[in-house]
């Protein structure tokens, strides 16, 4: 599944007719993460499996296939472990009041090592440690307060809200959105001065900017 999703995202990024990418699930579960039955495997088996999966999931968590187009995660149920990481790696997360987010791996004796840097980046050290160390799940409203979710709506109106947001974004300049996305993503890893300098290097920056820094 990881490889298939990676390839699909890569194709969507390359397709000039695609303005916005939406990730949603059929049914009530966005993504439940790893199968806990795998935790019963021998140590050497689970280590090999984890290494293979981590490489593929790591590319998705960094959203390597999509550098220029907005990605919207639409969550209407549990998004756990790698599923939660996949959702928060998107530019916008629209969740229903039925959504749950969490990292339960600790309950099986494992850590979410590959997910922690992304989690820390979004919600800070202590909140990230709390979620990862306790394995507890949080609802969409708490996830929004933490900064993991953008919008929370009733389940019945979830897809309508997702379509509204995606249509709004699709109506804007794709070049401007691309520039904005690149700057926002990179700025989280830089100091303010470094981020301002980086912004000036993004292709097309001078063409679409409204205000310039001194």
N, C-alpha and C. Protein backbone atom coordinates (compact mmCIF):
# COMPACT_ATOMS: atom_id res chain seq x y z
N UNK A 1 0.81 -1.20 0.00
CA UNK A 1 0.00 0.00 0.00
C UNK A 1 0.85 1.26 0.00
N UNK A 2 1.95 1.24 0.74
CA UNK A 2 2.82 2.40 0.83
C UNK A 2 3.35 2.78 -0.54
N UNK A 3 3.83 1.76 -1.28
CA UNK A 3 4.39 2.01 -2.61
C UNK A 3 3.31 2.53 -3.56
N UNK A 4 2.11 1.95 -3.47
CA UNK A 4 1.03 2.36 -4.35
C UNK A 4 0.62 3.81 -4.08
N UNK A 5 0.56 4.19 -2.81
CA UNK A 5 0.20 5.56 -2.46
C UNK A 5 1.29 6.52 -2.91
N UNK A 6 2.52 6.13 -2.72
CA UNK A 6 3.65 6.98 -3.16
C UNK A 6 3.57 7.22 -4.66
N UNK A 7 3.33 6.16 -5.42
CA UNK A 7 3.25 6.29 -6.88
C UNK A 7 2.06 7.15 -7.31
N UNK A 8 0.94 6.99 -6.61
CA UNK A 8 -0.25 7.78 -6.95
C UNK A 8 -0.02 9.26 -6.69
N UNK A 9 0.64 9.56 -5.59
CA UNK A 9 0.96 10.96 -5.28
C UNK A 9 1.93 11.54 -6.31
N UNK A 10 2.89 10.74 -6.69
CA UNK A 10 3.87 11.18 -7.68
C UNK A 10 3.19 11.49 -9.01
N UNK A 11 2.25 10.65 -9.41
CA UNK A 11 1.52 10.87 -10.65
C UNK A 11 0.66 12.13 -10.56
N UNK A 12 0.02 12.33 -9.42
CA UNK A 12 -0.81 13.52 -9.24
C UNK A 12 0.03 14.80 -9.29
N UNK A 13 1.21 14.74 -8.73
CA UNK A 13 2.11 15.90 -8.77
C UNK A 13 2.51 16.24 -10.20
N UNK A 14 2.69 15.22 -11.02
CA UNK A 14 3.15 15.43 -12.39
C UNK A 14 2.01 15.82 -13.33
N UNK A 15 0.77 15.55 -12.94
CA UNK A 15 -0.38 15.82 -13.80
C UNK A 15 -0.76 17.30 -13.73
N UNK A 16 -0.61 18.03 -14.84
CA UNK A 16 -0.89 19.46 -14.84
C UNK A 16 -2.36 19.79 -14.66
N UNK A 17 -3.23 18.82 -14.89
CA UNK A 17 -4.66 19.04 -14.70
C UNK A 17 -5.08 18.94 -13.25
N UNK A 18 -4.20 18.41 -12.40
CA UNK A 18 -4.50 18.26 -10.97
C UNK A 18 -4.05 19.52 -10.24
N UNK A 19 -4.97 20.18 -9.57
CA UNK A 19 -4.64 21.40 -8.82
C UNK A 19 -4.47 21.13 -7.33
N UNK A 20 -5.31 20.22 -6.81
CA UNK A 20 -5.31 19.91 -5.38
C UNK A 20 -5.42 18.40 -5.22
N UNK A 21 -4.71 17.85 -4.24
CA UNK A 21 -4.73 16.41 -3.97
C UNK A 21 -5.47 16.17 -2.66
N UNK A 22 -6.40 15.22 -2.68
CA UNK A 22 -7.17 14.91 -1.49
C UNK A 22 -6.94 13.46 -1.09
N UNK A 23 -6.62 13.23 0.18
CA UNK A 23 -6.46 11.87 0.71
C UNK A 23 -7.65 11.56 1.61
N UNK A 24 -8.41 10.57 1.24
CA UNK A 24 -9.57 10.15 2.03
C UNK A 24 -9.64 8.63 1.99
N UNK A 25 -10.44 8.07 2.87
CA UNK A 25 -10.55 6.61 2.94
C UNK A 25 -11.98 6.18 2.69
N UNK A 26 -12.14 4.99 2.12
CA UNK A 26 -13.46 4.39 2.01
C UNK A 26 -13.78 3.73 3.34
N UNK A 27 -14.94 4.03 3.87
CA UNK A 27 -15.29 3.47 5.17
C UNK A 27 -14.91 4.42 6.28
N UNK A 28 -15.00 3.95 7.51
CA UNK A 28 -14.82 4.82 8.66
C UNK A 28 -13.42 4.94 9.20
N UNK A 29 -12.45 4.23 8.64
CA UNK A 29 -11.09 4.27 9.16
C UNK A 29 -10.18 4.94 8.15
N UNK A 30 -9.56 6.05 8.55
CA UNK A 30 -8.63 6.73 7.64
C UNK A 30 -7.41 5.84 7.41
N UNK A 31 -6.74 5.45 8.49
CA UNK A 31 -5.62 4.50 8.43
C UNK A 31 -5.28 4.11 9.85
N UNK A 32 -5.29 2.81 10.13
CA UNK A 32 -5.08 2.32 11.49
C UNK A 32 -3.63 2.01 11.79
N UNK A 33 -2.72 2.30 10.86
CA UNK A 33 -1.31 2.06 11.12
C UNK A 33 -0.93 0.60 11.00
N UNK A 34 0.12 0.22 11.71
CA UNK A 34 0.66 -1.13 11.62
C UNK A 34 -0.29 -2.16 12.23
N UNK A 35 -0.21 -3.37 11.73
CA UNK A 35 -1.00 -4.49 12.26
C UNK A 35 -0.31 -5.00 13.52
N UNK A 36 -1.00 -4.94 14.66
CA UNK A 36 -0.40 -5.36 15.91
C UNK A 36 -0.07 -6.85 15.93
N UNK A 37 -0.63 -7.63 15.01
CA UNK A 37 -0.29 -9.05 14.95
C UNK A 37 1.18 -9.23 14.58
N UNK A 38 1.72 -8.23 13.89
CA UNK A 38 3.12 -8.32 13.50
C UNK A 38 4.05 -8.27 14.70
N UNK A 39 3.56 -7.72 15.83
CA UNK A 39 4.39 -7.62 17.01
C UNK A 39 4.71 -8.98 17.61
N UNK A 40 4.00 -10.02 17.17
CA UNK A 40 4.26 -11.36 17.68
C UNK A 40 5.36 -12.07 16.90
N UNK A 41 5.87 -11.43 15.86
CA UNK A 41 6.95 -12.02 15.08
C UNK A 41 8.24 -12.05 15.88
N UNK A 42 9.21 -12.86 15.44
CA UNK A 42 10.51 -12.89 16.08
C UNK A 42 11.18 -11.53 15.93
N UNK A 43 12.09 -11.21 16.83
CA UNK A 43 12.75 -9.91 16.82
C UNK A 43 13.43 -9.62 15.50
N UNK A 44 14.13 -10.62 14.93
CA UNK A 44 14.83 -10.36 13.67
C UNK A 44 13.84 -10.15 12.52
N UNK A 45 12.69 -10.85 12.57
CA UNK A 45 11.68 -10.67 11.53
C UNK A 45 11.05 -9.29 11.60
N UNK A 46 10.66 -8.87 12.80
CA UNK A 46 10.00 -7.58 12.95
C UNK A 46 10.97 -6.45 12.66
N UNK A 47 12.25 -6.64 12.96
CA UNK A 47 13.25 -5.61 12.68
C UNK A 47 13.41 -5.40 11.18
N UNK A 48 13.45 -6.50 10.44
CA UNK A 48 13.57 -6.40 8.98
C UNK A 48 12.33 -5.77 8.38
N UNK A 49 11.16 -6.16 8.90
CA UNK A 49 9.91 -5.61 8.40
C UNK A 49 9.82 -4.12 8.70
N UNK A 50 10.21 -3.74 9.91
CA UNK A 50 10.15 -2.34 10.31
C UNK A 50 11.08 -1.48 9.48
N UNK A 51 12.27 -2.00 9.20
CA UNK A 51 13.24 -1.24 8.41
C UNK A 51 12.72 -0.99 7.01
N UNK A 52 12.12 -2.01 6.40
CA UNK A 52 11.57 -1.87 5.06
C UNK A 52 10.41 -0.87 5.05
N UNK A 53 9.51 -1.00 6.03
CA UNK A 53 8.36 -0.12 6.07
C UNK A 53 8.77 1.31 6.39
N UNK A 54 9.73 1.47 7.31
CA UNK A 54 10.14 2.81 7.72
C UNK A 54 10.69 3.62 6.57
N UNK A 55 11.42 2.98 5.69
CA UNK A 55 11.98 3.69 4.55
C UNK A 55 10.88 4.24 3.65
N UNK A 56 9.89 3.39 3.37
CA UNK A 56 8.79 3.82 2.51
C UNK A 56 7.91 4.85 3.19
N UNK A 57 7.57 4.62 4.45
CA UNK A 57 6.72 5.56 5.17
C UNK A 57 7.42 6.89 5.39
N UNK A 58 8.74 6.84 5.59
CA UNK A 58 9.50 8.08 5.79
C UNK A 58 9.37 9.00 4.60
N UNK A 59 9.37 8.44 3.41
CA UNK A 59 9.21 9.26 2.20
C UNK A 59 7.83 9.89 2.15
N UNK A 60 6.83 9.15 2.64
CA UNK A 60 5.47 9.69 2.66
C UNK A 60 5.32 10.76 3.73
N UNK A 61 5.90 10.53 4.91
CA UNK A 61 5.78 11.50 5.99
C UNK A 61 6.40 12.84 5.60
N UNK A 62 7.43 12.78 4.77
CA UNK A 62 8.05 14.02 4.26
C UNK A 62 7.36 14.51 3.00
N UNK A 63 6.38 13.77 2.54
CA UNK A 63 5.64 14.09 1.32
C UNK A 63 6.59 14.37 0.15
N UNK A 64 7.57 13.49 0.01
CA UNK A 64 8.55 13.66 -1.06
C UNK A 64 7.93 13.71 -2.46
N UNK A 65 6.86 12.94 -2.74
CA UNK A 65 6.34 12.96 -4.11
C UNK A 65 5.67 14.28 -4.49
N UNK A 66 5.23 15.06 -3.50
CA UNK A 66 4.44 16.25 -3.80
C UNK A 66 5.10 17.49 -3.18
N UNK A 67 5.69 18.31 -4.02
CA UNK A 67 6.39 19.49 -3.55
C UNK A 67 5.68 20.79 -3.87
N UNK A 68 4.72 20.75 -4.79
CA UNK A 68 4.15 22.01 -5.27
C UNK A 68 2.64 22.13 -5.14
N UNK A 69 1.94 21.05 -4.86
CA UNK A 69 0.47 21.10 -4.84
C UNK A 69 -0.07 20.87 -3.43
N UNK A 70 -1.15 21.56 -3.08
CA UNK A 70 -1.75 21.36 -1.76
C UNK A 70 -2.31 19.95 -1.61
N UNK A 71 -2.12 19.38 -0.42
CA UNK A 71 -2.67 18.06 -0.11
C UNK A 71 -3.61 18.21 1.09
N UNK A 72 -4.82 17.69 0.92
CA UNK A 72 -5.81 17.75 1.98
C UNK A 72 -6.09 16.34 2.49
N UNK A 73 -5.96 16.14 3.80
CA UNK A 73 -6.33 14.87 4.42
C UNK A 73 -7.76 15.00 4.93
N UNK A 74 -8.59 14.02 4.61
CA UNK A 74 -9.99 14.02 5.04
C UNK A 74 -10.17 12.82 5.97
N UNK A 75 -10.37 13.08 7.25
CA UNK A 75 -10.35 12.02 8.26
C UNK A 75 -11.72 11.88 8.91
N UNK A 76 -12.30 10.69 8.80
CA UNK A 76 -13.64 10.45 9.34
C UNK A 76 -13.67 9.24 10.26
N UNK A 77 -12.60 9.02 10.97
CA UNK A 77 -12.50 7.86 11.85
C UNK A 77 -11.09 7.78 12.42
N UNK A 78 -10.67 6.61 12.89
CA UNK A 78 -9.34 6.49 13.47
C UNK A 78 -8.22 6.74 12.46
N UNK A 79 -7.25 7.55 12.87
CA UNK A 79 -6.00 7.73 12.14
C UNK A 79 -4.90 7.49 13.17
N UNK A 80 -4.35 6.30 13.16
CA UNK A 80 -3.45 5.87 14.22
C UNK A 80 -2.07 5.56 13.69
N UNK A 81 -1.06 5.76 14.54
CA UNK A 81 0.31 5.43 14.18
C UNK A 81 0.74 6.13 12.90
N UNK A 82 1.17 5.32 11.92
CA UNK A 82 1.57 5.88 10.64
C UNK A 82 0.43 6.59 9.94
N UNK A 83 -0.81 6.18 10.22
CA UNK A 83 -1.97 6.84 9.63
C UNK A 83 -2.13 8.27 10.13
N UNK A 84 -1.87 8.47 11.42
CA UNK A 84 -1.92 9.82 11.98
C UNK A 84 -0.81 10.67 11.40
N UNK A 85 0.37 10.07 11.26
CA UNK A 85 1.51 10.80 10.70
C UNK A 85 1.24 11.19 9.25
N UNK A 86 0.62 10.29 8.50
CA UNK A 86 0.29 10.58 7.11
C UNK A 86 -0.68 11.75 7.02
N UNK A 87 -1.65 11.78 7.91
CA UNK A 87 -2.63 12.86 7.90
C UNK A 87 -1.98 14.21 8.20
N UNK A 88 -1.18 14.27 9.26
CA UNK A 88 -0.60 15.55 9.65
C UNK A 88 0.52 15.99 8.72
N UNK A 89 1.00 15.08 7.88
CA UNK A 89 1.99 15.47 6.88
C UNK A 89 1.36 16.27 5.74
N UNK A 90 0.02 16.22 5.66
CA UNK A 90 -0.69 16.96 4.62
C UNK A 90 -0.75 18.45 4.98
N UNK A 91 -1.01 19.27 3.99
CA UNK A 91 -1.04 20.71 4.22
C UNK A 91 -2.26 21.15 5.01
N UNK A 92 -3.37 20.49 4.77
CA UNK A 92 -4.63 20.79 5.47
C UNK A 92 -5.23 19.47 5.93
N UNK A 93 -5.72 19.45 7.17
CA UNK A 93 -6.40 18.26 7.70
C UNK A 93 -7.82 18.65 8.07
N UNK A 94 -8.79 18.02 7.42
CA UNK A 94 -10.20 18.24 7.72
C UNK A 94 -10.71 16.98 8.39
N UNK A 95 -11.14 17.10 9.63
CA UNK A 95 -11.55 15.92 10.41
C UNK A 95 -12.99 16.04 10.86
N UNK A 96 -13.65 14.90 10.95
CA UNK A 96 -15.01 14.88 11.46
C UNK A 96 -15.00 14.71 12.98
N UNK A 97 -16.16 14.87 13.58
CA UNK A 97 -16.26 14.68 15.02
C UNK A 97 -16.12 13.21 15.41
N UNK A 98 -15.99 12.32 14.43
CA UNK A 98 -15.76 10.90 14.71
C UNK A 98 -14.27 10.54 14.64
N UNK A 99 -13.44 11.47 14.23
CA UNK A 99 -12.02 11.19 14.02
C UNK A 99 -11.28 11.01 15.35
N UNK A 100 -10.29 10.15 15.32
CA UNK A 100 -9.40 9.93 16.45
C UNK A 100 -7.97 9.88 15.93
N UNK A 101 -7.07 10.46 16.70
CA UNK A 101 -5.66 10.46 16.33
C UNK A 101 -4.84 9.91 17.49
N UNK A 102 -3.83 9.10 17.18
CA UNK A 102 -3.01 8.56 18.25
C UNK A 102 -1.86 7.72 17.73
N UNK A 103 -0.97 7.39 18.65
CA UNK A 103 0.22 6.60 18.32
C UNK A 103 0.33 5.46 19.33
N UNK A 104 -0.40 4.36 19.10
CA UNK A 104 -0.51 3.29 20.10
C UNK A 104 0.65 2.30 20.11
N UNK A 105 1.67 2.54 19.30
CA UNK A 105 2.76 1.55 19.17
C UNK A 105 3.40 1.19 20.51
N UNK A 106 3.48 2.15 21.44
CA UNK A 106 4.12 1.89 22.72
C UNK A 106 3.43 0.75 23.46
N UNK A 107 2.14 0.55 23.20
CA UNK A 107 1.40 -0.51 23.87
C UNK A 107 1.81 -1.89 23.38
N UNK A 108 2.47 -1.93 22.23
CA UNK A 108 3.00 -3.20 21.73
C UNK A 108 4.49 -3.34 21.97
N UNK A 109 5.06 -2.38 22.71
CA UNK A 109 6.47 -2.45 23.04
C UNK A 109 7.38 -1.79 22.01
N UNK A 110 6.81 -0.94 21.17
CA UNK A 110 7.60 -0.30 20.11
C UNK A 110 7.47 1.22 20.20
N UNK A 111 8.43 1.91 19.61
CA UNK A 111 8.38 3.36 19.56
C UNK A 111 8.01 3.82 18.15
N UNK A 112 7.56 5.06 18.08
CA UNK A 112 7.22 5.65 16.77
C UNK A 112 8.39 6.53 16.33
N UNK A 113 9.56 5.93 16.26
CA UNK A 113 10.79 6.70 16.02
C UNK A 113 10.73 7.54 14.77
N UNK A 114 10.22 6.96 13.69
CA UNK A 114 10.19 7.70 12.43
C UNK A 114 9.16 8.81 12.40
N UNK A 115 8.19 8.74 13.31
CA UNK A 115 7.11 9.72 13.35
C UNK A 115 7.43 10.89 14.28
N UNK A 116 8.23 10.65 15.30
CA UNK A 116 8.47 11.65 16.33
C UNK A 116 8.97 13.00 15.81
N UNK A 117 9.93 13.03 14.88
CA UNK A 117 10.38 14.35 14.40
C UNK A 117 9.23 15.17 13.79
N UNK A 118 8.36 14.52 13.05
CA UNK A 118 7.22 15.22 12.45
C UNK A 118 6.27 15.70 13.53
N UNK A 119 6.04 14.87 14.53
CA UNK A 119 5.14 15.22 15.62
C UNK A 119 5.69 16.39 16.43
N UNK A 120 6.97 16.34 16.75
CA UNK A 120 7.62 17.42 17.51
C UNK A 120 7.53 18.73 16.73
N UNK A 121 7.75 18.65 15.44
CA UNK A 121 7.70 19.85 14.60
C UNK A 121 6.34 20.51 14.65
N UNK A 122 5.28 19.71 14.73
CA UNK A 122 3.93 20.26 14.69
C UNK A 122 3.41 20.71 16.04
N UNK A 123 3.73 19.98 17.12
CA UNK A 123 3.08 20.30 18.39
C UNK A 123 4.05 20.54 19.54
N UNK A 124 5.36 20.41 19.31
CA UNK A 124 6.32 20.67 20.37
C UNK A 124 6.73 19.42 21.14
N UNK A 125 7.76 19.58 21.95
CA UNK A 125 8.40 18.45 22.62
C UNK A 125 7.47 17.73 23.61
N UNK A 126 6.89 18.47 24.53
CA UNK A 126 6.13 17.82 25.60
C UNK A 126 4.84 17.18 25.10
N UNK A 127 4.13 17.87 24.23
CA UNK A 127 2.90 17.30 23.70
C UNK A 127 3.19 16.06 22.85
N UNK A 128 4.29 16.11 22.09
CA UNK A 128 4.67 14.96 21.27
C UNK A 128 5.04 13.77 22.15
N UNK A 129 5.79 14.04 23.20
CA UNK A 129 6.19 12.96 24.10
C UNK A 129 4.96 12.35 24.77
N UNK A 130 4.03 13.20 25.17
CA UNK A 130 2.81 12.71 25.83
C UNK A 130 2.06 11.73 24.94
N UNK A 131 1.81 12.12 23.68
CA UNK A 131 1.06 11.25 22.79
C UNK A 131 1.80 9.95 22.50
N UNK A 132 3.10 10.06 22.24
CA UNK A 132 3.87 8.87 21.88
C UNK A 132 4.12 7.95 23.07
N UNK A 133 4.34 8.52 24.25
CA UNK A 133 4.68 7.72 25.42
C UNK A 133 3.47 7.07 26.07
N UNK A 134 2.31 7.69 25.96
CA UNK A 134 1.12 7.12 26.59
C UNK A 134 0.32 6.26 25.62
N UNK A 135 0.46 6.52 24.33
CA UNK A 135 -0.32 5.78 23.34
C UNK A 135 -1.79 6.13 23.33
N UNK A 136 -2.14 7.22 24.01
CA UNK A 136 -3.56 7.60 24.08
C UNK A 136 -4.04 8.20 22.76
N UNK A 137 -5.32 8.12 22.54
CA UNK A 137 -5.93 8.71 21.36
C UNK A 137 -6.61 10.01 21.74
N UNK A 138 -6.64 10.96 20.82
CA UNK A 138 -7.30 12.23 21.06
C UNK A 138 -8.37 12.43 19.98
N UNK A 139 -9.40 13.20 20.32
CA UNK A 139 -10.44 13.46 19.34
C UNK A 139 -10.04 14.63 18.45
N UNK A 140 -10.89 14.93 17.48
CA UNK A 140 -10.54 15.94 16.49
C UNK A 140 -10.42 17.33 17.11
N UNK A 141 -11.24 17.64 18.10
CA UNK A 141 -11.19 18.97 18.71
C UNK A 141 -9.88 19.18 19.47
N UNK A 142 -9.44 18.15 20.18
CA UNK A 142 -8.16 18.28 20.88
C UNK A 142 -7.02 18.34 19.88
N UNK A 143 -7.13 17.56 18.82
CA UNK A 143 -6.09 17.58 17.77
C UNK A 143 -6.01 18.96 17.13
N UNK A 144 -7.15 19.62 16.98
CA UNK A 144 -7.15 20.97 16.41
C UNK A 144 -6.50 21.95 17.37
N UNK A 145 -6.79 21.83 18.65
CA UNK A 145 -6.17 22.72 19.64
C UNK A 145 -4.65 22.56 19.65
N UNK A 146 -4.19 21.34 19.40
CA UNK A 146 -2.76 21.07 19.38
C UNK A 146 -2.10 21.56 18.09
N UNK A 147 -2.89 21.77 17.05
CA UNK A 147 -2.33 22.19 15.78
C UNK A 147 -2.17 21.07 14.77
N UNK A 148 -2.77 19.92 15.05
CA UNK A 148 -2.67 18.78 14.13
C UNK A 148 -3.78 18.78 13.09
N UNK A 149 -4.86 19.47 13.36
CA UNK A 149 -6.04 19.48 12.49
C UNK A 149 -6.39 20.93 12.14
N UNK A 150 -6.85 21.14 10.92
CA UNK A 150 -7.19 22.48 10.44
C UNK A 150 -8.65 22.81 10.69
N UNK A 151 -9.56 21.91 10.27
CA UNK A 151 -10.99 22.13 10.43
C UNK A 151 -11.63 20.89 11.06
N UNK A 152 -12.65 21.13 11.89
CA UNK A 152 -13.44 20.04 12.47
C UNK A 152 -14.90 20.29 12.12
N UNK A 153 -15.53 19.29 11.52
CA UNK A 153 -16.93 19.41 11.11
C UNK A 153 -17.67 18.13 11.48
N UNK A 154 -19.00 18.18 11.40
CA UNK A 154 -19.79 16.98 11.63
C UNK A 154 -19.51 15.96 10.52
N UNK A 155 -19.62 14.71 10.86
CA UNK A 155 -19.31 13.65 9.90
C UNK A 155 -20.16 13.76 8.64
N UNK A 156 -21.42 14.12 8.80
CA UNK A 156 -22.32 14.21 7.64
C UNK A 156 -21.89 15.28 6.64
N UNK A 157 -21.20 16.30 7.12
CA UNK A 157 -20.79 17.38 6.23
C UNK A 157 -19.32 17.35 5.87
N UNK A 158 -18.64 16.25 6.20
CA UNK A 158 -17.19 16.19 6.01
C UNK A 158 -16.78 16.35 4.56
N UNK A 159 -17.35 15.56 3.67
CA UNK A 159 -16.94 15.61 2.27
C UNK A 159 -17.35 16.93 1.62
N UNK A 160 -18.48 17.49 2.04
CA UNK A 160 -18.88 18.79 1.51
C UNK A 160 -17.85 19.86 1.88
N UNK A 161 -17.37 19.83 3.12
CA UNK A 161 -16.36 20.78 3.55
C UNK A 161 -15.04 20.55 2.80
N UNK A 162 -14.69 19.28 2.62
CA UNK A 162 -13.46 18.97 1.89
C UNK A 162 -13.54 19.46 0.45
N UNK A 163 -14.69 19.28 -0.16
CA UNK A 163 -14.88 19.74 -1.54
C UNK A 163 -14.87 21.26 -1.61
N UNK A 164 -15.44 21.91 -0.60
CA UNK A 164 -15.44 23.37 -0.58
C UNK A 164 -14.02 23.92 -0.52
N UNK A 165 -13.23 23.36 0.38
CA UNK A 165 -11.85 23.83 0.54
C UNK A 165 -11.02 23.53 -0.70
N UNK A 166 -11.17 22.32 -1.24
CA UNK A 166 -10.38 21.94 -2.41
C UNK A 166 -10.76 22.79 -3.63
N UNK A 167 -12.05 23.06 -3.79
CA UNK A 167 -12.49 23.89 -4.91
C UNK A 167 -11.99 25.33 -4.77
N UNK A 168 -11.97 25.80 -3.54
CA UNK A 168 -11.45 27.16 -3.31
C UNK A 168 -9.97 27.25 -3.69
N UNK A 169 -9.20 26.28 -3.23
CA UNK A 169 -7.77 26.27 -3.54
C UNK A 169 -7.53 26.09 -5.04
N UNK A 170 -8.33 25.23 -5.67
CA UNK A 170 -8.16 24.96 -7.10
C UNK A 170 -8.44 26.20 -7.94
N UNK A 171 -9.18 27.15 -7.38
CA UNK A 171 -9.50 28.36 -8.12
C UNK A 171 -8.42 29.42 -8.06
N UNK A 172 -7.39 29.19 -7.24
CA UNK A 172 -6.31 30.15 -7.12
C UNK A 172 -5.17 29.81 -8.08
N UNK A 173 -4.23 30.72 -8.20
CA UNK A 173 -3.08 30.51 -9.08
C UNK A 173 -2.25 29.32 -8.59
N UNK A 174 -2.04 28.30 -9.43
CA UNK A 174 -1.22 27.16 -9.01
C UNK A 174 0.22 27.57 -8.72
N UNK A 175 0.73 28.56 -9.45
CA UNK A 175 2.10 29.02 -9.20
C UNK A 175 2.20 29.66 -7.82
N UNK A 176 1.22 30.49 -7.48
CA UNK A 176 1.24 31.15 -6.17
C UNK A 176 1.13 30.13 -5.04
N UNK A 177 0.25 29.14 -5.21
CA UNK A 177 0.11 28.09 -4.19
C UNK A 177 1.39 27.28 -4.05
N UNK A 178 2.03 27.01 -5.18
CA UNK A 178 3.28 26.25 -5.15
C UNK A 178 4.35 26.99 -4.37
N UNK A 179 4.48 28.28 -4.64
CA UNK A 179 5.47 29.10 -3.93
C UNK A 179 5.16 29.13 -2.44
N UNK A 180 3.89 29.35 -2.12
CA UNK A 180 3.47 29.40 -0.72
C UNK A 180 3.78 28.10 0.00
N UNK A 181 3.45 26.98 -0.64
CA UNK A 181 3.68 25.67 -0.01
C UNK A 181 5.16 25.44 0.25
N UNK A 182 5.99 25.74 -0.72
CA UNK A 182 7.43 25.52 -0.56
C UNK A 182 8.00 26.37 0.58
N UNK A 183 7.56 27.61 0.68
CA UNK A 183 8.06 28.49 1.73
C UNK A 183 7.58 28.04 3.10
N UNK A 184 6.31 27.70 3.20
CA UNK A 184 5.75 27.27 4.48
C UNK A 184 6.44 26.00 4.97
N UNK A 185 6.59 25.03 4.09
CA UNK A 185 7.21 23.76 4.50
C UNK A 185 8.65 23.95 4.95
N UNK A 186 9.39 24.73 4.21
CA UNK A 186 10.81 24.91 4.53
C UNK A 186 11.01 25.80 5.75
N UNK A 187 10.13 26.77 5.94
CA UNK A 187 10.30 27.73 7.03
C UNK A 187 10.29 27.07 8.40
N UNK A 188 9.58 25.97 8.52
CA UNK A 188 9.52 25.28 9.81
C UNK A 188 10.85 24.71 10.25
N UNK A 189 11.79 24.57 9.32
CA UNK A 189 13.10 24.01 9.64
C UNK A 189 14.18 25.07 9.75
N UNK A 190 13.80 26.34 9.58
CA UNK A 190 14.80 27.41 9.51
C UNK A 190 14.52 28.49 10.55
N UNK A 191 15.54 29.31 10.81
CA UNK A 191 15.33 30.52 11.60
C UNK A 191 14.57 31.52 10.74
N UNK A 192 14.09 32.59 11.36
CA UNK A 192 13.34 33.59 10.61
C UNK A 192 14.18 34.19 9.49
N UNK A 193 15.40 34.55 9.80
CA UNK A 193 16.27 35.15 8.77
C UNK A 193 16.56 34.17 7.64
N UNK A 194 16.80 32.91 8.00
CA UNK A 194 17.06 31.89 6.99
C UNK A 194 15.83 31.67 6.11
N UNK A 195 14.65 31.68 6.74
CA UNK A 195 13.42 31.47 5.99
C UNK A 195 13.16 32.60 5.00
N UNK A 196 13.43 33.84 5.44
CA UNK A 196 13.26 34.98 4.54
C UNK A 196 14.21 34.86 3.35
N UNK A 197 15.45 34.48 3.62
CA UNK A 197 16.43 34.31 2.54
C UNK A 197 16.01 33.19 1.60
N UNK A 198 15.50 32.09 2.18
CA UNK A 198 15.05 30.97 1.34
C UNK A 198 13.90 31.39 0.44
N UNK A 199 12.97 32.16 0.99
CA UNK A 199 11.80 32.58 0.21
C UNK A 199 12.22 33.28 -1.07
N UNK A 200 13.27 34.04 -1.00
CA UNK A 200 13.73 34.78 -2.18
C UNK A 200 14.32 33.87 -3.25
N UNK A 201 14.67 32.65 -2.86
CA UNK A 201 15.28 31.73 -3.82
C UNK A 201 14.26 30.86 -4.53
N UNK A 202 13.01 30.84 -4.03
CA UNK A 202 11.98 29.99 -4.63
C UNK A 202 11.63 30.51 -6.01
N UNK A 203 11.63 29.62 -6.96
CA UNK A 203 11.35 29.99 -8.35
C UNK A 203 9.97 30.65 -8.47
N UNK A 204 9.95 31.83 -9.06
CA UNK A 204 8.70 32.54 -9.26
C UNK A 204 8.32 33.46 -8.12
N UNK A 205 9.15 33.54 -7.08
CA UNK A 205 8.81 34.32 -5.90
C UNK A 205 8.52 35.79 -6.25
N UNK A 206 9.39 36.44 -6.98
CA UNK A 206 9.22 37.85 -7.32
C UNK A 206 8.01 38.09 -8.19
N UNK A 207 7.62 37.10 -8.97
CA UNK A 207 6.50 37.26 -9.90
C UNK A 207 5.17 37.31 -9.17
N UNK A 208 5.03 36.56 -8.06
CA UNK A 208 3.73 36.41 -7.42
C UNK A 208 3.61 37.08 -6.06
N UNK A 209 4.71 37.56 -5.51
CA UNK A 209 4.64 38.12 -4.18
C UNK A 209 3.88 39.44 -4.20
N UNK A 210 3.24 39.75 -3.08
CA UNK A 210 2.49 40.99 -2.93
C UNK A 210 3.34 42.00 -2.16
N UNK A 211 3.94 41.54 -1.08
CA UNK A 211 4.78 42.39 -0.26
C UNK A 211 6.16 41.78 -0.15
N UNK A 212 7.17 42.60 -0.13
CA UNK A 212 8.54 42.10 0.01
C UNK A 212 9.10 42.57 1.33
N UNK A 213 9.97 41.75 1.89
CA UNK A 213 10.64 42.16 3.11
C UNK A 213 11.79 43.07 2.75
N UNK A 214 12.27 43.91 3.66
CA UNK A 214 13.35 44.83 3.34
C UNK A 214 14.65 44.09 3.12
